[in-house]
């Protein structure tokens, strides 16, 4: 049975890619995710996650040349990732409402 939700790290990574748009390359994702999770994320951990999500069909990647001759790989969400990200967002919103209700009792 296919999961219709994402693990938290993958969800946050996809949301970050959506926000970064054409700046969604590995080093920038490492910086952004380090801020979100308030810890130094390793480049290897982020790249491994990106490769896994490409293999799952959640991301596409495109190599782009930078002005000084360097190339970067920019990641974008697939339609499947957009659907599953929305579903995960709904689940997390419901969970948050439940936690608030529990906290109030």
N, C-alpha and C. Protein backbone atom coordinates (compact mmCIF):
# COMPACT_ATOMS: atom_id res chain seq x y z
N UNK A 1 0.84 -1.19 0.00
CA UNK A 1 0.00 0.00 0.00
C UNK A 1 0.87 1.24 0.00
N UNK A 2 0.60 2.16 -0.91
CA UNK A 2 1.36 3.39 -0.99
C UNK A 2 0.96 4.36 0.11
N UNK A 3 1.97 5.01 0.70
CA UNK A 3 1.67 6.03 1.71
C UNK A 3 1.13 7.27 1.01
N UNK A 4 0.18 7.92 1.64
CA UNK A 4 -0.34 9.16 1.07
C UNK A 4 0.03 10.36 1.94
N UNK A 5 1.16 10.23 2.62
CA UNK A 5 1.71 11.32 3.42
C UNK A 5 3.23 11.19 3.40
N UNK A 6 3.90 12.22 3.91
CA UNK A 6 5.36 12.24 3.88
C UNK A 6 5.94 12.28 5.29
N UNK A 7 7.12 11.72 5.49
CA UNK A 7 7.84 11.94 6.75
C UNK A 7 8.12 13.44 6.89
N UNK A 8 8.24 13.90 8.12
CA UNK A 8 8.39 15.34 8.38
C UNK A 8 9.57 15.95 7.62
N UNK A 9 10.74 15.32 7.64
CA UNK A 9 11.90 15.91 6.97
C UNK A 9 11.66 16.07 5.47
N UNK A 10 11.06 15.07 4.85
CA UNK A 10 10.77 15.17 3.42
C UNK A 10 9.73 16.26 3.16
N UNK A 11 8.72 16.34 4.02
CA UNK A 11 7.70 17.38 3.86
C UNK A 11 8.31 18.78 3.94
N UNK A 12 9.13 19.00 4.94
CA UNK A 12 9.76 20.32 5.11
C UNK A 12 10.71 20.60 3.94
N UNK A 13 11.41 19.59 3.48
CA UNK A 13 12.30 19.77 2.33
C UNK A 13 11.51 20.19 1.09
N UNK A 14 10.39 19.51 0.84
CA UNK A 14 9.57 19.86 -0.32
C UNK A 14 8.97 21.26 -0.19
N UNK A 15 8.53 21.61 1.00
CA UNK A 15 7.99 22.96 1.21
C UNK A 15 9.07 24.02 0.99
N UNK A 16 10.28 23.71 1.40
CA UNK A 16 11.40 24.64 1.21
C UNK A 16 11.72 24.78 -0.28
N UNK A 17 11.69 23.69 -1.01
CA UNK A 17 11.92 23.74 -2.46
C UNK A 17 10.85 24.60 -3.13
N UNK A 18 9.61 24.43 -2.73
CA UNK A 18 8.53 25.26 -3.28
C UNK A 18 8.80 26.75 -3.05
N UNK A 19 9.26 27.06 -1.84
CA UNK A 19 9.50 28.46 -1.49
C UNK A 19 10.70 29.03 -2.24
N UNK A 20 11.74 28.23 -2.41
CA UNK A 20 12.97 28.71 -3.05
C UNK A 20 12.86 28.84 -4.57
N UNK A 21 11.93 28.10 -5.16
CA UNK A 21 11.72 28.10 -6.61
C UNK A 21 13.01 27.79 -7.35
N UNK A 22 13.51 28.70 -8.19
CA UNK A 22 14.70 28.40 -9.01
C UNK A 22 16.01 28.49 -8.24
N UNK A 23 15.94 28.73 -6.95
CA UNK A 23 17.13 28.73 -6.10
C UNK A 23 17.22 27.46 -5.24
N UNK A 24 16.44 26.45 -5.59
CA UNK A 24 16.36 25.21 -4.81
C UNK A 24 17.48 24.25 -5.22
N UNK A 25 18.67 24.57 -4.80
CA UNK A 25 19.82 23.69 -5.03
C UNK A 25 20.37 23.26 -3.68
N UNK A 26 21.20 22.23 -3.66
CA UNK A 26 21.59 21.55 -2.42
C UNK A 26 22.14 22.48 -1.34
N UNK A 27 23.11 23.32 -1.65
CA UNK A 27 23.71 24.16 -0.60
C UNK A 27 22.70 25.14 0.00
N UNK A 28 21.83 25.69 -0.82
CA UNK A 28 20.82 26.60 -0.29
C UNK A 28 19.80 25.84 0.56
N UNK A 29 19.48 24.63 0.15
CA UNK A 29 18.59 23.80 0.96
C UNK A 29 19.21 23.45 2.30
N UNK A 30 20.50 23.17 2.31
CA UNK A 30 21.21 22.90 3.57
C UNK A 30 21.08 24.11 4.49
N UNK A 31 21.32 25.31 3.95
CA UNK A 31 21.22 26.53 4.76
C UNK A 31 19.81 26.71 5.32
N UNK A 32 18.83 26.60 4.46
CA UNK A 32 17.44 26.83 4.86
C UNK A 32 16.95 25.78 5.87
N UNK A 33 17.27 24.52 5.62
CA UNK A 33 16.84 23.46 6.52
C UNK A 33 17.55 23.54 7.87
N UNK A 34 18.78 24.03 7.88
CA UNK A 34 19.50 24.24 9.14
C UNK A 34 18.78 25.26 10.00
N UNK A 35 18.24 26.28 9.37
CA UNK A 35 17.48 27.31 10.10
C UNK A 35 16.17 26.71 10.61
N UNK A 36 15.45 26.02 9.75
CA UNK A 36 14.15 25.46 10.12
C UNK A 36 14.29 24.50 11.30
N UNK A 37 15.28 23.62 11.25
CA UNK A 37 15.44 22.61 12.28
C UNK A 37 16.36 23.04 13.42
N UNK A 38 16.89 24.27 13.30
CA UNK A 38 17.76 24.85 14.34
C UNK A 38 18.94 23.95 14.68
N UNK A 39 19.54 23.39 13.63
CA UNK A 39 20.75 22.58 13.80
C UNK A 39 21.49 22.56 12.47
N UNK A 40 22.78 22.30 12.53
CA UNK A 40 23.58 22.24 11.31
C UNK A 40 23.25 20.95 10.56
N UNK A 41 22.63 21.10 9.40
CA UNK A 41 22.31 19.95 8.57
C UNK A 41 23.54 19.62 7.73
N UNK A 42 23.80 18.34 7.56
CA UNK A 42 24.94 17.96 6.73
C UNK A 42 24.54 17.96 5.26
N UNK A 43 25.48 18.34 4.43
CA UNK A 43 25.26 18.34 2.98
C UNK A 43 24.89 16.94 2.52
N UNK A 44 25.58 15.94 3.05
CA UNK A 44 25.34 14.55 2.67
C UNK A 44 23.93 14.10 3.00
N UNK A 45 23.43 14.48 4.17
CA UNK A 45 22.08 14.10 4.57
C UNK A 45 21.05 14.71 3.62
N UNK A 46 21.22 15.97 3.29
CA UNK A 46 20.27 16.65 2.41
C UNK A 46 20.34 16.06 1.00
N UNK A 47 21.54 15.86 0.48
CA UNK A 47 21.68 15.31 -0.88
C UNK A 47 21.12 13.89 -0.95
N UNK A 48 21.36 13.09 0.08
CA UNK A 48 20.80 11.73 0.11
C UNK A 48 19.27 11.78 0.08
N UNK A 49 18.69 12.70 0.84
CA UNK A 49 17.23 12.86 0.85
C UNK A 49 16.74 13.30 -0.52
N UNK A 50 17.43 14.25 -1.14
CA UNK A 50 17.03 14.73 -2.47
C UNK A 50 17.07 13.59 -3.49
N UNK A 51 18.14 12.80 -3.48
CA UNK A 51 18.26 11.67 -4.41
C UNK A 51 17.15 10.65 -4.18
N UNK A 52 16.85 10.38 -2.91
CA UNK A 52 15.78 9.43 -2.59
C UNK A 52 14.45 9.95 -3.12
N UNK A 53 14.20 11.25 -2.98
CA UNK A 53 12.93 11.81 -3.45
C UNK A 53 12.88 11.86 -4.98
N UNK A 54 14.01 12.02 -5.65
CA UNK A 54 14.04 11.92 -7.12
C UNK A 54 13.68 10.50 -7.53
N UNK A 55 14.28 9.51 -6.84
CA UNK A 55 14.01 8.11 -7.16
C UNK A 55 12.55 7.71 -6.89
N UNK A 56 11.92 8.37 -5.92
CA UNK A 56 10.51 8.11 -5.60
C UNK A 56 9.57 8.81 -6.59
N UNK A 57 10.12 9.66 -7.44
CA UNK A 57 9.28 10.39 -8.38
C UNK A 57 8.66 11.65 -7.80
N UNK A 58 9.23 12.15 -6.68
CA UNK A 58 8.70 13.35 -6.05
C UNK A 58 9.38 14.62 -6.55
N UNK A 59 10.60 14.47 -7.06
CA UNK A 59 11.37 15.61 -7.54
C UNK A 59 11.93 15.34 -8.93
N UNK A 60 12.12 16.43 -9.65
CA UNK A 60 12.93 16.37 -10.86
C UNK A 60 14.14 17.27 -10.59
N UNK A 61 15.20 17.04 -11.33
CA UNK A 61 16.38 17.88 -11.15
C UNK A 61 16.92 18.28 -12.51
N UNK A 62 17.50 19.46 -12.52
CA UNK A 62 18.05 20.01 -13.76
C UNK A 62 19.39 20.68 -13.45
N UNK A 63 20.40 20.32 -14.22
CA UNK A 63 21.71 20.93 -14.04
C UNK A 63 21.71 22.28 -14.75
N UNK A 64 22.19 23.30 -14.05
CA UNK A 64 22.26 24.66 -14.61
C UNK A 64 23.65 25.24 -14.42
N UNK A 65 24.11 25.91 -15.44
CA UNK A 65 25.42 26.56 -15.37
C UNK A 65 25.29 27.88 -14.63
N UNK A 66 26.26 28.14 -13.77
CA UNK A 66 26.33 29.40 -13.04
C UNK A 66 27.29 30.34 -13.75
N UNK A 67 27.24 31.64 -13.46
CA UNK A 67 28.08 32.62 -14.15
C UNK A 67 29.58 32.31 -14.17
N UNK A 68 30.14 31.81 -13.09
CA UNK A 68 31.58 31.56 -13.04
C UNK A 68 31.95 30.15 -13.48
N UNK A 69 31.10 29.55 -14.31
CA UNK A 69 31.43 28.24 -14.86
C UNK A 69 31.00 27.06 -14.01
N UNK A 70 30.56 27.32 -12.80
CA UNK A 70 30.10 26.23 -11.95
C UNK A 70 28.71 25.81 -12.37
N UNK A 71 28.38 24.57 -12.07
CA UNK A 71 27.02 24.13 -12.34
C UNK A 71 26.37 23.72 -11.02
N UNK A 72 25.07 23.90 -10.97
CA UNK A 72 24.30 23.48 -9.80
C UNK A 72 23.14 22.62 -10.30
N UNK A 73 22.61 21.83 -9.40
CA UNK A 73 21.43 21.04 -9.71
C UNK A 73 20.25 21.68 -8.98
N UNK A 74 19.25 22.08 -9.74
CA UNK A 74 18.07 22.71 -9.18
C UNK A 74 16.94 21.69 -9.16
N UNK A 75 16.24 21.63 -8.04
CA UNK A 75 15.18 20.65 -7.83
C UNK A 75 13.80 21.30 -7.92
N UNK A 76 12.86 20.58 -8.50
CA UNK A 76 11.47 21.03 -8.56
C UNK A 76 10.55 19.85 -8.23
N UNK A 77 9.38 20.17 -7.69
CA UNK A 77 8.41 19.15 -7.33
C UNK A 77 7.68 18.63 -8.56
N UNK A 78 7.39 17.35 -8.53
CA UNK A 78 6.55 16.74 -9.56
C UNK A 78 5.09 16.94 -9.15
N UNK A 79 4.15 16.72 -10.07
CA UNK A 79 2.73 16.79 -9.69
C UNK A 79 2.38 15.82 -8.55
N UNK A 80 2.99 14.65 -8.56
CA UNK A 80 2.76 13.69 -7.47
C UNK A 80 3.18 14.28 -6.14
N UNK A 81 4.33 14.92 -6.11
CA UNK A 81 4.83 15.54 -4.87
C UNK A 81 3.90 16.66 -4.42
N UNK A 82 3.39 17.43 -5.36
CA UNK A 82 2.48 18.51 -4.98
C UNK A 82 1.22 17.95 -4.33
N UNK A 83 0.69 16.86 -4.86
CA UNK A 83 -0.50 16.23 -4.30
C UNK A 83 -0.23 15.68 -2.91
N UNK A 84 0.84 14.94 -2.77
CA UNK A 84 1.15 14.31 -1.48
C UNK A 84 1.56 15.35 -0.44
N UNK A 85 2.18 16.43 -0.88
CA UNK A 85 2.54 17.52 0.04
C UNK A 85 1.27 18.18 0.59
N UNK A 86 0.30 18.38 -0.26
CA UNK A 86 -0.98 18.96 0.18
C UNK A 86 -1.67 18.04 1.18
N UNK A 87 -1.65 16.73 0.90
CA UNK A 87 -2.26 15.76 1.81
C UNK A 87 -1.54 15.76 3.16
N UNK A 88 -0.23 15.81 3.16
CA UNK A 88 0.53 15.85 4.40
C UNK A 88 0.22 17.12 5.17
N UNK A 89 0.09 18.21 4.48
CA UNK A 89 -0.27 19.50 5.11
C UNK A 89 -1.62 19.38 5.82
N UNK A 90 -2.59 18.73 5.18
CA UNK A 90 -3.90 18.53 5.80
C UNK A 90 -3.79 17.67 7.06
N UNK A 91 -2.99 16.62 6.99
CA UNK A 91 -2.80 15.74 8.14
C UNK A 91 -2.16 16.51 9.28
N UNK A 92 -1.12 17.28 8.99
CA UNK A 92 -0.43 18.05 10.03
C UNK A 92 -1.34 19.12 10.62
N UNK A 93 -2.18 19.73 9.80
CA UNK A 93 -3.13 20.74 10.31
C UNK A 93 -4.12 20.08 11.27
N UNK A 94 -4.62 18.91 10.90
CA UNK A 94 -5.53 18.18 11.78
C UNK A 94 -4.86 17.79 13.08
N UNK A 95 -3.62 17.36 13.00
CA UNK A 95 -2.86 16.99 14.19
C UNK A 95 -2.66 18.19 15.10
N UNK A 96 -2.35 19.33 14.52
CA UNK A 96 -2.16 20.55 15.31
C UNK A 96 -3.45 20.92 16.04
N UNK A 97 -4.58 20.84 15.35
CA UNK A 97 -5.87 21.13 15.99
C UNK A 97 -6.13 20.17 17.16
N UNK A 98 -5.80 18.92 16.96
CA UNK A 98 -5.97 17.92 18.02
C UNK A 98 -5.09 18.24 19.22
N UNK A 99 -3.84 18.60 18.96
CA UNK A 99 -2.93 18.93 20.05
C UNK A 99 -3.38 20.16 20.83
N UNK A 100 -3.89 21.16 20.11
CA UNK A 100 -4.41 22.36 20.78
C UNK A 100 -5.60 21.98 21.66
N UNK A 101 -6.50 21.14 21.15
CA UNK A 101 -7.67 20.71 21.93
C UNK A 101 -7.23 19.94 23.17
N UNK A 102 -6.25 19.07 23.03
CA UNK A 102 -5.76 18.29 24.17
C UNK A 102 -5.12 19.21 25.19
N UNK A 103 -4.37 20.19 24.72
CA UNK A 103 -3.68 21.12 25.62
C UNK A 103 -4.67 21.95 26.44
N UNK A 104 -5.81 22.26 25.84
CA UNK A 104 -6.82 23.09 26.51
C UNK A 104 -7.59 22.34 27.59
N UNK A 105 -7.56 21.01 27.53
CA UNK A 105 -8.34 20.23 28.51
C UNK A 105 -7.55 19.96 29.77
